[in-house]
Amino acid sequence: MKFMEITTLSVGAFEENASVIAFDDGSAWIVDPGAEAGRIAAVLDTRHLAPAAILLTHGHFDHICAIAGLQGKYGEVPVYIHAADKIMLGHAWNQFPPQYPIQPPPKNLHSGEWPQGVDVIETPGHTPGSVSFHFKDAGIVLTGDTLFAGSAGRTDFPGGSFAALKRSLAILAKLPPATRVIPGHGSDTTIERELATNPFYS
């Protein structure tokens, strides 16, 4: 299974970046399907891709609300999340009605384990279980709400920690400078650009 391409869609009221990662065997991983399951499914179907996994950078509502729709269409696609964020799935405070009603915990949920083929970097701070997904050979890292172009994630939500976020940003800073950063919201950037311009690195 070799990384082929990545397609990123801005979905939902919070313009969250949901990504579809295609592999050479016709399978795909979906990262952070936050809303608009139909649009995400259209990417899969147009490219004749079979979803093999849903990976979550963290558990906030705007990154998970299309899971039920995707599992309804494709069956119980396994969902992966860090164990520290598992409590968010189905929790009463993790909603934003009416756009984001409370979601039941996904079916076929895996926490504390990850599929083979991706380097998972623990990057807590925005949430206790935030992670980044690094595809070394492709030169891409998906940082969720840890690192943005010109900014970094909020830490004023339950479980947030600015000190932890700063440590996580330092870890990401060690990636190769040309690494393409796909954040959870907003435009792509690179590690090199963020080290030079992001005030959180000053």
N, C-alpha and C. Protein backbone atom coordinates (compact mmCIF):
# COMPACT_ATOMS: atom_id res chain seq x y z
N MET A 1 0.84 -1.19 0.00
CA MET A 1 0.00 0.00 0.00
C MET A 1 0.88 1.24 0.00
N LYS A 2 0.85 2.00 -1.08
CA LYS A 2 1.69 3.18 -1.24
C LYS A 2 0.84 4.43 -1.38
N PHE A 3 1.22 5.48 -0.67
CA PHE A 3 0.55 6.77 -0.74
C PHE A 3 0.57 7.27 -2.18
N MET A 4 -0.62 7.69 -2.68
CA MET A 4 -0.71 8.18 -4.05
C MET A 4 -1.03 9.67 -4.11
N GLU A 5 -2.13 10.08 -3.46
CA GLU A 5 -2.52 11.49 -3.52
C GLU A 5 -3.43 11.82 -2.34
N ILE A 6 -3.57 13.10 -2.08
CA ILE A 6 -4.45 13.56 -1.02
C ILE A 6 -5.37 14.64 -1.57
N THR A 7 -6.64 14.54 -1.20
CA THR A 7 -7.64 15.53 -1.58
C THR A 7 -8.23 16.10 -0.30
N THR A 8 -8.22 17.42 -0.17
CA THR A 8 -8.71 18.06 1.04
C THR A 8 -9.90 18.94 0.71
N LEU A 9 -10.96 18.78 1.50
CA LEU A 9 -12.19 19.55 1.33
C LEU A 9 -12.42 20.41 2.56
N SER A 10 -12.85 21.65 2.36
CA SER A 10 -13.27 22.50 3.47
C SER A 10 -14.75 22.25 3.69
N VAL A 11 -15.12 21.72 4.86
CA VAL A 11 -16.50 21.28 5.09
C VAL A 11 -17.08 21.93 6.34
N GLY A 12 -18.40 22.09 6.31
CA GLY A 12 -19.13 22.51 7.49
C GLY A 12 -19.03 23.99 7.82
N ALA A 13 -19.75 24.37 8.85
CA ALA A 13 -19.83 25.77 9.24
C ALA A 13 -18.50 26.33 9.71
N PHE A 14 -17.61 25.45 10.19
CA PHE A 14 -16.31 25.91 10.68
C PHE A 14 -15.20 25.72 9.65
N GLU A 15 -15.58 25.39 8.40
CA GLU A 15 -14.65 25.22 7.30
C GLU A 15 -13.46 24.35 7.71
N GLU A 16 -13.82 23.18 8.23
CA GLU A 16 -12.81 22.21 8.67
C GLU A 16 -12.26 21.46 7.47
N ASN A 17 -10.99 21.16 7.51
CA ASN A 17 -10.34 20.45 6.41
C ASN A 17 -10.46 18.93 6.61
N ALA A 18 -11.29 18.31 5.79
CA ALA A 18 -11.41 16.86 5.76
C ALA A 18 -10.58 16.36 4.57
N SER A 19 -9.79 15.32 4.80
CA SER A 19 -8.89 14.85 3.75
C SER A 19 -9.17 13.40 3.38
N VAL A 20 -9.05 13.11 2.10
CA VAL A 20 -9.13 11.74 1.59
C VAL A 20 -7.75 11.39 1.04
N ILE A 21 -7.16 10.35 1.60
CA ILE A 21 -5.83 9.91 1.18
C ILE A 21 -5.98 8.64 0.36
N ALA A 22 -5.55 8.69 -0.88
CA ALA A 22 -5.68 7.55 -1.79
C ALA A 22 -4.38 6.76 -1.83
N PHE A 23 -4.52 5.43 -1.85
CA PHE A 23 -3.38 4.53 -1.96
C PHE A 23 -3.43 3.78 -3.28
N ASP A 24 -2.29 3.21 -3.64
CA ASP A 24 -2.18 2.60 -4.96
C ASP A 24 -2.98 1.31 -5.10
N ASP A 25 -3.49 0.77 -4.00
CA ASP A 25 -4.30 -0.44 -4.09
C ASP A 25 -5.80 -0.14 -4.19
N GLY A 26 -6.14 1.14 -4.33
CA GLY A 26 -7.55 1.51 -4.47
C GLY A 26 -8.25 1.76 -3.15
N SER A 27 -7.52 1.66 -2.06
CA SER A 27 -8.11 1.96 -0.75
C SER A 27 -7.88 3.43 -0.41
N ALA A 28 -8.55 3.88 0.64
CA ALA A 28 -8.41 5.28 1.05
C ALA A 28 -8.60 5.40 2.55
N TRP A 29 -7.94 6.38 3.12
CA TRP A 29 -8.18 6.78 4.49
C TRP A 29 -8.84 8.16 4.48
N ILE A 30 -9.75 8.35 5.39
CA ILE A 30 -10.42 9.64 5.54
C ILE A 30 -9.94 10.24 6.87
N VAL A 31 -9.42 11.44 6.81
CA VAL A 31 -8.93 12.11 8.01
C VAL A 31 -9.88 13.24 8.38
N ASP A 32 -10.38 13.22 9.60
CA ASP A 32 -11.21 14.28 10.17
C ASP A 32 -12.44 14.62 9.32
N PRO A 33 -13.34 13.67 9.12
CA PRO A 33 -14.57 13.97 8.37
C PRO A 33 -15.55 14.75 9.24
N GLY A 34 -15.44 16.06 9.22
CA GLY A 34 -16.17 16.88 10.16
C GLY A 34 -17.61 17.18 9.81
N ALA A 35 -17.96 17.11 8.54
CA ALA A 35 -19.32 17.43 8.08
C ALA A 35 -19.41 17.05 6.61
N GLU A 36 -20.62 17.18 6.05
CA GLU A 36 -20.86 16.98 4.62
C GLU A 36 -20.34 15.63 4.13
N ALA A 37 -20.90 14.59 4.72
CA ALA A 37 -20.51 13.23 4.33
C ALA A 37 -20.70 12.99 2.84
N GLY A 38 -21.72 13.59 2.25
CA GLY A 38 -21.97 13.40 0.83
C GLY A 38 -20.85 13.91 -0.04
N ARG A 39 -20.28 15.05 0.30
CA ARG A 39 -19.16 15.59 -0.48
C ARG A 39 -17.92 14.71 -0.35
N ILE A 40 -17.68 14.22 0.86
CA ILE A 40 -16.53 13.34 1.07
C ILE A 40 -16.72 12.04 0.30
N ALA A 41 -17.93 11.50 0.36
CA ALA A 41 -18.23 10.26 -0.37
C ALA A 41 -18.08 10.46 -1.87
N ALA A 42 -18.41 11.64 -2.37
CA ALA A 42 -18.29 11.90 -3.80
C ALA A 42 -16.83 11.80 -4.25
N VAL A 43 -15.91 12.24 -3.42
CA VAL A 43 -14.49 12.11 -3.75
C VAL A 43 -14.11 10.63 -3.85
N LEU A 44 -14.55 9.86 -2.88
CA LEU A 44 -14.26 8.42 -2.90
C LEU A 44 -14.86 7.75 -4.13
N ASP A 45 -16.13 8.03 -4.39
CA ASP A 45 -16.82 7.34 -5.47
C ASP A 45 -16.29 7.76 -6.85
N THR A 46 -15.98 9.04 -7.02
CA THR A 46 -15.46 9.51 -8.30
C THR A 46 -14.13 8.87 -8.63
N ARG A 47 -13.33 8.64 -7.61
CA ARG A 47 -12.01 8.03 -7.81
C ARG A 47 -12.03 6.51 -7.62
N HIS A 48 -13.22 5.96 -7.41
CA HIS A 48 -13.38 4.51 -7.23
C HIS A 48 -12.50 4.00 -6.08
N LEU A 49 -12.57 4.70 -4.95
CA LEU A 49 -11.79 4.35 -3.78
C LEU A 49 -12.66 3.68 -2.73
N ALA A 50 -12.11 2.71 -2.06
CA ALA A 50 -12.82 2.01 -0.98
C ALA A 50 -12.26 2.49 0.35
N PRO A 51 -13.08 3.12 1.20
CA PRO A 51 -12.56 3.62 2.47
C PRO A 51 -12.17 2.47 3.40
N ALA A 52 -10.92 2.50 3.87
CA ALA A 52 -10.40 1.44 4.73
C ALA A 52 -10.26 1.89 6.18
N ALA A 53 -10.25 3.21 6.41
CA ALA A 53 -10.07 3.71 7.78
C ALA A 53 -10.48 5.17 7.85
N ILE A 54 -10.93 5.57 9.02
CA ILE A 54 -11.17 6.98 9.35
C ILE A 54 -10.23 7.32 10.49
N LEU A 55 -9.38 8.31 10.28
CA LEU A 55 -8.40 8.71 11.28
C LEU A 55 -8.76 10.09 11.81
N LEU A 56 -8.69 10.26 13.12
CA LEU A 56 -9.05 11.52 13.75
C LEU A 56 -7.83 12.15 14.42
N THR A 57 -7.56 13.41 14.07
CA THR A 57 -6.48 14.12 14.75
C THR A 57 -6.86 14.45 16.19
N HIS A 58 -8.16 14.61 16.44
CA HIS A 58 -8.67 14.81 17.80
C HIS A 58 -10.18 14.64 17.76
N GLY A 59 -10.83 14.81 18.92
CA GLY A 59 -12.23 14.42 19.02
C GLY A 59 -13.26 15.53 18.96
N HIS A 60 -12.89 16.77 18.67
CA HIS A 60 -13.87 17.85 18.67
C HIS A 60 -14.95 17.65 17.61
N PHE A 61 -16.14 18.18 17.91
CA PHE A 61 -17.33 17.93 17.08
C PHE A 61 -17.13 18.30 15.62
N ASP A 62 -16.38 19.34 15.33
CA ASP A 62 -16.25 19.79 13.94
C ASP A 62 -15.28 18.93 13.14
N HIS A 63 -14.74 17.89 13.76
CA HIS A 63 -13.86 16.96 13.05
C HIS A 63 -14.45 15.55 12.95
N ILE A 64 -15.65 15.34 13.48
CA ILE A 64 -16.18 13.97 13.57
C ILE A 64 -17.59 13.79 13.03
N CYS A 65 -18.29 14.88 12.71
CA CYS A 65 -19.74 14.77 12.51
C CYS A 65 -20.18 14.12 11.20
N ALA A 66 -19.25 13.80 10.32
CA ALA A 66 -19.63 13.06 9.11
C ALA A 66 -19.38 11.56 9.24
N ILE A 67 -18.86 11.13 10.40
CA ILE A 67 -18.54 9.70 10.54
C ILE A 67 -19.79 8.84 10.39
N ALA A 68 -20.87 9.22 11.06
CA ALA A 68 -22.08 8.41 11.01
C ALA A 68 -22.59 8.26 9.58
N GLY A 69 -22.56 9.35 8.82
CA GLY A 69 -23.01 9.28 7.43
C GLY A 69 -22.13 8.40 6.57
N LEU A 70 -20.83 8.46 6.78
CA LEU A 70 -19.91 7.63 6.01
C LEU A 70 -20.05 6.16 6.38
N GLN A 71 -20.20 5.88 7.67
CA GLN A 71 -20.40 4.48 8.07
C GLN A 71 -21.76 3.97 7.60
N GLY A 72 -22.74 4.85 7.52
CA GLY A 72 -24.03 4.43 6.99
C GLY A 72 -23.96 4.04 5.53
N LYS A 73 -23.07 4.68 4.78
CA LYS A 73 -22.94 4.39 3.34
C LYS A 73 -21.99 3.22 3.07
N TYR A 74 -20.88 3.17 3.81
CA TYR A 74 -19.82 2.21 3.48
C TYR A 74 -19.68 1.07 4.48
N GLY A 75 -20.52 1.03 5.49
CA GLY A 75 -20.40 0.00 6.51
C GLY A 75 -19.51 0.47 7.65
N GLU A 76 -19.16 -0.43 8.52
CA GLU A 76 -18.45 -0.07 9.74
C GLU A 76 -16.95 0.12 9.48
N VAL A 77 -16.64 1.17 8.72
CA VAL A 77 -15.24 1.53 8.49
C VAL A 77 -14.58 1.79 9.84
N PRO A 78 -13.43 1.19 10.14
CA PRO A 78 -12.81 1.41 11.44
C PRO A 78 -12.41 2.86 11.65
N VAL A 79 -12.63 3.34 12.87
CA VAL A 79 -12.34 4.72 13.26
C VAL A 79 -11.23 4.69 14.30
N TYR A 80 -10.20 5.50 14.09
CA TYR A 80 -9.05 5.52 14.98
C TYR A 80 -8.91 6.88 15.64
N ILE A 81 -8.70 6.88 16.96
CA ILE A 81 -8.51 8.11 17.72
C ILE A 81 -7.58 7.81 18.89
N HIS A 82 -6.86 8.80 19.34
CA HIS A 82 -6.02 8.64 20.52
C HIS A 82 -6.89 8.34 21.73
N ALA A 83 -6.42 7.48 22.60
CA ALA A 83 -7.21 7.06 23.76
C ALA A 83 -7.62 8.24 24.64
N ALA A 84 -6.78 9.27 24.72
CA ALA A 84 -7.09 10.40 25.59
C ALA A 84 -8.26 11.24 25.10
N ASP A 85 -8.60 11.12 23.82
CA ASP A 85 -9.73 11.89 23.27
C ASP A 85 -10.98 11.04 23.07
N LYS A 86 -10.89 9.77 23.37
CA LYS A 86 -12.05 8.89 23.18
C LYS A 86 -13.27 9.37 23.95
N ILE A 87 -13.07 9.96 25.13
CA ILE A 87 -14.18 10.40 25.97
C ILE A 87 -15.03 11.47 25.29
N MET A 88 -14.46 12.18 24.32
CA MET A 88 -15.20 13.25 23.64
C MET A 88 -16.31 12.70 22.75
N LEU A 89 -16.15 11.49 22.27
CA LEU A 89 -17.09 10.94 21.31
C LEU A 89 -18.37 10.54 22.02
N GLY A 90 -19.44 11.29 21.73
CA GLY A 90 -20.71 11.06 22.38
C GLY A 90 -20.93 11.88 23.63
N HIS A 91 -19.95 12.71 24.01
CA HIS A 91 -20.08 13.51 25.22
C HIS A 91 -21.02 14.70 24.98
N ALA A 92 -21.82 15.02 25.98
CA ALA A 92 -22.85 16.06 25.83
C ALA A 92 -22.27 17.43 25.50
N TRP A 93 -21.08 17.76 26.02
CA TRP A 93 -20.55 19.09 25.75
C TRP A 93 -19.91 19.20 24.38
N ASN A 94 -19.69 18.09 23.72
CA ASN A 94 -19.00 18.10 22.43
C ASN A 94 -20.02 18.20 21.29
N GLN A 95 -20.72 19.31 21.26
CA GLN A 95 -21.73 19.54 20.23
C GLN A 95 -21.89 21.05 20.04
N PHE A 96 -22.50 21.41 18.94
CA PHE A 96 -22.73 22.82 18.62
C PHE A 96 -24.01 22.91 17.79
N PRO A 97 -25.17 22.71 18.46
CA PRO A 97 -26.42 22.68 17.71
C PRO A 97 -26.76 24.07 17.14
N PRO A 98 -27.50 24.14 16.02
CA PRO A 98 -28.10 22.98 15.34
C PRO A 98 -27.19 22.35 14.28
N GLN A 99 -26.10 23.04 13.91
CA GLN A 99 -25.26 22.49 12.83
C GLN A 99 -24.56 21.19 13.24
N TYR A 100 -24.21 21.08 14.52
CA TYR A 100 -23.45 19.93 14.99
C TYR A 100 -24.15 19.32 16.20
N PRO A 101 -25.20 18.58 15.98
CA PRO A 101 -25.86 17.91 17.12
C PRO A 101 -24.95 16.84 17.69
N ILE A 102 -25.27 16.41 18.90
CA ILE A 102 -24.44 15.41 19.54
C ILE A 102 -24.39 14.14 18.70
N GLN A 103 -23.20 13.58 18.58
CA GLN A 103 -22.99 12.39 17.76
C GLN A 103 -22.78 11.17 18.65
N PRO A 104 -23.36 10.05 18.31
CA PRO A 104 -23.07 8.82 19.08
C PRO A 104 -21.65 8.37 18.81
N PRO A 105 -21.05 7.63 19.73
CA PRO A 105 -19.71 7.08 19.46
C PRO A 105 -19.74 6.25 18.17
N PRO A 106 -18.73 6.39 17.35
CA PRO A 106 -18.70 5.63 16.10
C PRO A 106 -18.68 4.13 16.34
N LYS A 107 -19.16 3.41 15.37
CA LYS A 107 -19.02 1.96 15.38
C LYS A 107 -17.59 1.60 14.98
N ASN A 108 -17.15 0.43 15.40
CA ASN A 108 -15.82 -0.09 15.05
C ASN A 108 -14.73 0.92 15.45
N LEU A 109 -14.80 1.36 16.70
CA LEU A 109 -13.89 2.39 17.20
C LEU A 109 -12.62 1.75 17.78
N HIS A 110 -11.49 2.31 17.41
CA HIS A 110 -10.20 1.87 17.92
C HIS A 110 -9.52 3.06 18.59
N SER A 111 -9.10 2.91 19.83
CA SER A 111 -8.38 3.99 20.50
C SER A 111 -7.09 3.43 21.08
N GLY A 112 -6.05 4.23 20.97
CA GLY A 112 -4.74 3.79 21.45
C GLY A 112 -4.01 2.89 20.47
N GLU A 113 -4.51 2.76 19.26
CA GLU A 113 -3.83 1.98 18.23
C GLU A 113 -4.07 2.65 16.89
N TRP A 114 -3.19 2.39 15.93
CA TRP A 114 -3.26 3.06 14.63
C TRP A 114 -2.97 2.07 13.52
N PRO A 115 -3.51 2.31 12.32
CA PRO A 115 -3.19 1.42 11.20
C PRO A 115 -1.75 1.60 10.77
N GLN A 116 -1.21 0.58 10.14
CA GLN A 116 0.15 0.66 9.63
C GLN A 116 0.19 1.56 8.40
N GLY A 117 1.30 2.26 8.25
CA GLY A 117 1.47 3.08 7.06
C GLY A 117 1.53 4.56 7.32
N VAL A 118 1.43 4.99 8.58
CA VAL A 118 1.51 6.41 8.91
C VAL A 118 2.29 6.56 10.21
N ASP A 119 3.10 7.61 10.26
CA ASP A 119 3.76 7.96 11.51
C ASP A 119 2.82 8.87 12.30
N VAL A 120 2.43 8.43 13.48
CA VAL A 120 1.53 9.20 14.33
C VAL A 120 2.37 9.96 15.36
N ILE A 121 2.29 11.27 15.33
CA ILE A 121 3.04 12.12 16.25
C ILE A 121 2.08 12.64 17.30
N GLU A 122 2.33 12.34 18.55
CA GLU A 122 1.47 12.86 19.61
C GLU A 122 1.74 14.36 19.77
N THR A 123 0.69 15.17 19.59
CA THR A 123 0.83 16.62 19.66
C THR A 123 -0.26 17.22 20.54
N PRO A 124 -0.30 16.86 21.83
CA PRO A 124 -1.35 17.37 22.70
C PRO A 124 -1.22 18.88 22.94
N GLY A 125 -2.28 19.44 23.48
CA GLY A 125 -2.32 20.86 23.77
C GLY A 125 -3.68 21.43 23.45
N HIS A 126 -4.09 21.31 22.19
CA HIS A 126 -5.45 21.70 21.82
C HIS A 126 -6.45 20.79 22.52
N THR A 127 -6.15 19.51 22.53
CA THR A 127 -6.85 18.51 23.34
C THR A 127 -5.79 17.57 23.90
N PRO A 128 -6.13 16.80 24.93
CA PRO A 128 -5.13 15.88 25.50
C PRO A 128 -4.65 14.82 24.52
N GLY A 129 -5.52 14.42 23.59
CA GLY A 129 -5.18 13.34 22.67
C GLY A 129 -4.94 13.79 21.25
N SER A 130 -4.64 15.06 21.03
CA SER A 130 -4.36 15.53 19.67
C SER A 130 -3.13 14.82 19.10
N VAL A 131 -3.23 14.46 17.82
CA VAL A 131 -2.10 13.85 17.12
C VAL A 131 -1.97 14.49 15.75
N SER A 132 -0.79 14.31 15.15
CA SER A 132 -0.54 14.72 13.78
C SER A 132 -0.14 13.48 12.99
N PHE A 133 -0.55 13.43 11.73
CA PHE A 133 -0.26 12.28 10.89
C PHE A 133 0.80 12.66 9.86
N HIS A 134 1.96 12.01 9.94
CA HIS A 134 3.09 12.33 9.08
C HIS A 134 3.29 11.23 8.05
N PHE A 135 3.17 11.61 6.79
CA PHE A 135 3.47 10.70 5.68
C PHE A 135 4.85 11.10 5.15
N LYS A 136 5.85 10.46 5.70
CA LYS A 136 7.23 10.88 5.48
C LYS A 136 7.61 10.85 4.01
N ASP A 137 7.28 9.76 3.33
CA ASP A 137 7.69 9.63 1.93
C ASP A 137 7.02 10.67 1.04
N ALA A 138 5.79 11.06 1.41
CA ALA A 138 5.08 12.06 0.62
C ALA A 138 5.42 13.48 1.04
N GLY A 139 6.11 13.64 2.18
CA GLY A 139 6.46 14.97 2.64
C GLY A 139 5.28 15.77 3.12
N ILE A 140 4.31 15.11 3.78
CA ILE A 140 3.07 15.75 4.21
C ILE A 140 2.81 15.44 5.67
N VAL A 141 2.34 16.43 6.41
CA VAL A 141 1.87 16.20 7.77
C VAL A 141 0.52 16.88 7.94
N LEU A 142 -0.44 16.13 8.50
CA LEU A 142 -1.76 16.67 8.82
C LEU A 142 -1.76 16.99 10.31
N THR A 143 -1.89 18.25 10.66
CA THR A 143 -1.66 18.68 12.03
C THR A 143 -2.94 18.95 12.82
N GLY A 144 -4.11 18.69 12.23
CA GLY A 144 -5.34 18.95 12.97
C GLY A 144 -5.38 20.39 13.43
N ASP A 145 -5.75 20.61 14.70
CA ASP A 145 -5.84 21.97 15.23
C ASP A 145 -4.65 22.31 16.12
N THR A 146 -3.51 21.67 15.85
CA THR A 146 -2.29 21.99 16.58
C THR A 146 -1.54 23.14 15.93
N LEU A 147 -1.27 23.02 14.64
CA LEU A 147 -0.52 24.04 13.90
C LEU A 147 -1.32 24.49 12.69
N PHE A 148 -1.50 25.81 12.57
CA PHE A 148 -2.16 26.42 11.42
C PHE A 148 -1.16 27.30 10.67
N ALA A 149 -1.54 27.72 9.48
CA ALA A 149 -0.74 28.72 8.77
C ALA A 149 -0.83 30.04 9.54
N GLY A 150 0.28 30.43 10.14
CA GLY A 150 0.35 31.68 10.87
C GLY A 150 -0.23 31.67 12.26
N SER A 151 -0.62 30.51 12.76
CA SER A 151 -1.24 30.46 14.08
C SER A 151 -1.11 29.05 14.67
N ALA A 152 -1.79 28.84 15.78
CA ALA A 152 -1.80 27.53 16.44
C ALA A 152 -3.13 27.34 17.13
N GLY A 153 -3.37 26.15 17.64
CA GLY A 153 -4.68 25.80 18.18
C GLY A 153 -5.00 26.49 19.49
N ARG A 154 -6.29 26.65 19.73
CA ARG A 154 -6.77 27.17 21.00
C ARG A 154 -6.51 26.17 22.11
N THR A 155 -6.36 26.68 23.31
CA THR A 155 -6.14 25.81 24.46
C THR A 155 -7.12 26.10 25.59
N ASP A 156 -8.20 26.84 25.28
CA ASP A 156 -9.16 27.22 26.32
C ASP A 156 -10.37 26.29 26.38
N PHE A 157 -10.34 25.20 25.62
CA PHE A 157 -11.39 24.19 25.71
C PHE A 157 -11.03 23.20 26.82
N PRO A 158 -12.00 22.41 27.29
CA PRO A 158 -11.68 21.41 28.31
C PRO A 158 -10.52 20.51 27.89
N GLY A 159 -9.55 20.37 28.77
CA GLY A 159 -8.39 19.53 28.48
C GLY A 159 -7.26 20.22 27.75
N GLY A 160 -7.47 21.48 27.36
CA GLY A 160 -6.42 22.20 26.66
C GLY A 160 -5.28 22.60 27.56
N SER A 161 -4.09 22.75 26.99
CA SER A 161 -2.91 23.14 27.75
C SER A 161 -1.96 23.90 26.84
N PHE A 162 -1.71 25.16 27.15
CA PHE A 162 -0.79 25.95 26.34
C PHE A 162 0.63 25.42 26.44
N ALA A 163 1.02 25.00 27.64
CA ALA A 163 2.37 24.46 27.80
C ALA A 163 2.56 23.21 26.93
N ALA A 164 1.56 22.34 26.91
CA ALA A 164 1.63 21.14 26.07
C ALA A 164 1.65 21.50 24.59
N LEU A 165 0.85 22.50 24.22
CA LEU A 165 0.83 22.94 22.82
C LEU A 165 2.20 23.43 22.38
N LYS A 166 2.86 24.21 23.22
CA LYS A 166 4.19 24.71 22.87
C LYS A 166 5.17 23.55 22.68
N ARG A 167 5.09 22.55 23.51
CA ARG A 167 5.97 21.38 23.35
C ARG A 167 5.66 20.65 22.04
N SER A 168 4.38 20.57 21.71
CA SER A 168 3.99 19.90 20.46
C SER A 168 4.47 20.67 19.25
N LEU A 169 4.38 21.99 19.29
CA LEU A 169 4.88 22.81 18.18
C LEU A 169 6.38 22.62 18.01
N ALA A 170 7.09 22.46 19.11
CA ALA A 170 8.53 22.22 19.04
C ALA A 170 8.83 20.89 18.37
N ILE A 171 8.01 19.89 18.63
CA ILE A 171 8.18 18.59 17.98
C ILE A 171 7.97 18.71 16.47
N LEU A 172 6.91 19.41 16.07
CA LEU A 172 6.63 19.58 14.64
C LEU A 172 7.72 20.38 13.95
N ALA A 173 8.35 21.29 14.68
CA ALA A 173 9.41 22.12 14.10
C ALA A 173 10.61 21.28 13.65
N LYS A 174 10.73 20.05 14.16
CA LYS A 174 11.86 19.19 13.82
C LYS A 174 11.65 18.42 12.52
N LEU A 175 10.43 18.50 11.95
CA LEU A 175 10.19 17.84 10.67
C LEU A 175 10.99 18.54 9.58
N PRO A 176 11.25 17.87 8.45
CA PRO A 176 11.99 18.52 7.36
C PRO A 176 11.34 19.84 6.95
N PRO A 177 12.12 20.88 6.71
CA PRO A 177 11.56 22.21 6.43
C PRO A 177 10.56 22.24 5.27
N ALA A 178 10.78 21.40 4.26
CA ALA A 178 9.90 21.42 3.09
C ALA A 178 8.59 20.68 3.32
N THR A 179 8.40 20.08 4.49
CA THR A 179 7.19 19.30 4.75
C THR A 179 5.94 20.16 4.55
N ARG A 180 5.03 19.66 3.75
CA ARG A 180 3.74 20.35 3.53
C ARG A 180 2.84 20.11 4.73
N VAL A 181 2.32 21.18 5.29
CA VAL A 181 1.44 21.12 6.45
C VAL A 181 0.00 21.32 5.98
N ILE A 182 -0.86 20.32 6.28
CA ILE A 182 -2.29 20.46 6.02
C ILE A 182 -2.96 20.56 7.39
N PRO A 183 -3.39 21.78 7.77
CA PRO A 183 -3.98 21.96 9.10
C PRO A 183 -5.45 21.60 9.12
N GLY A 184 -6.03 21.65 10.31
CA GLY A 184 -7.45 21.32 10.45
C GLY A 184 -8.39 22.39 9.93
N HIS A 185 -7.89 23.59 9.75
CA HIS A 185 -8.66 24.70 9.19
C HIS A 185 -7.69 25.60 8.44
N GLY A 186 -8.16 26.22 7.38
CA GLY A 186 -7.34 27.19 6.68
C GLY A 186 -6.44 26.58 5.63
N SER A 187 -5.53 27.41 5.13
CA SER A 187 -4.71 27.03 3.98
C SER A 187 -3.51 26.19 4.37
N ASP A 188 -2.98 25.48 3.38
CA ASP A 188 -1.76 24.72 3.56
C ASP A 188 -0.58 25.66 3.80
N THR A 189 0.47 25.10 4.37
CA THR A 189 1.70 25.85 4.57
C THR A 189 2.85 24.85 4.57
N THR A 190 4.01 25.28 5.02
CA THR A 190 5.15 24.38 5.18
C THR A 190 5.78 24.63 6.54
N ILE A 191 6.53 23.67 7.01
CA ILE A 191 7.25 23.84 8.27
C ILE A 191 8.21 25.02 8.16
N GLU A 192 8.91 25.11 7.06
CA GLU A 192 9.87 26.21 6.87
C GLU A 192 9.18 27.56 6.97
N ARG A 193 8.03 27.71 6.33
CA ARG A 193 7.31 28.99 6.35
C ARG A 193 6.85 29.33 7.76
N GLU A 194 6.37 28.32 8.48
CA GLU A 194 5.89 28.60 9.83
C GLU A 194 7.02 28.97 10.78
N LEU A 195 8.16 28.34 10.64
CA LEU A 195 9.30 28.69 11.49
C LEU A 195 9.74 30.13 11.25
N ALA A 196 9.55 30.61 10.01
CA ALA A 196 9.99 31.96 9.66
C ALA A 196 8.96 33.02 10.00
N THR A 197 7.65 32.65 10.02
CA THR A 197 6.63 33.70 10.10
C THR A 197 5.61 33.52 11.22
N ASN A 198 5.48 32.33 11.77
CA ASN A 198 4.42 32.07 12.76
C ASN A 198 4.83 32.65 14.11
N PRO A 199 4.00 33.53 14.69
CA PRO A 199 4.38 34.13 15.99
C PRO A 199 4.53 33.11 17.12
N PHE A 200 3.92 31.94 17.00
CA PHE A 200 4.08 30.92 18.02
C PHE A 200 5.47 30.30 18.00
N TYR A 201 6.23 30.58 16.95
CA TYR A 201 7.61 30.10 16.87
C TYR A 201 8.62 31.21 17.14
N SER A 202 8.15 32.37 17.52
CA SER A 202 9.09 33.47 17.76
C SER A 202 9.66 33.40 19.17
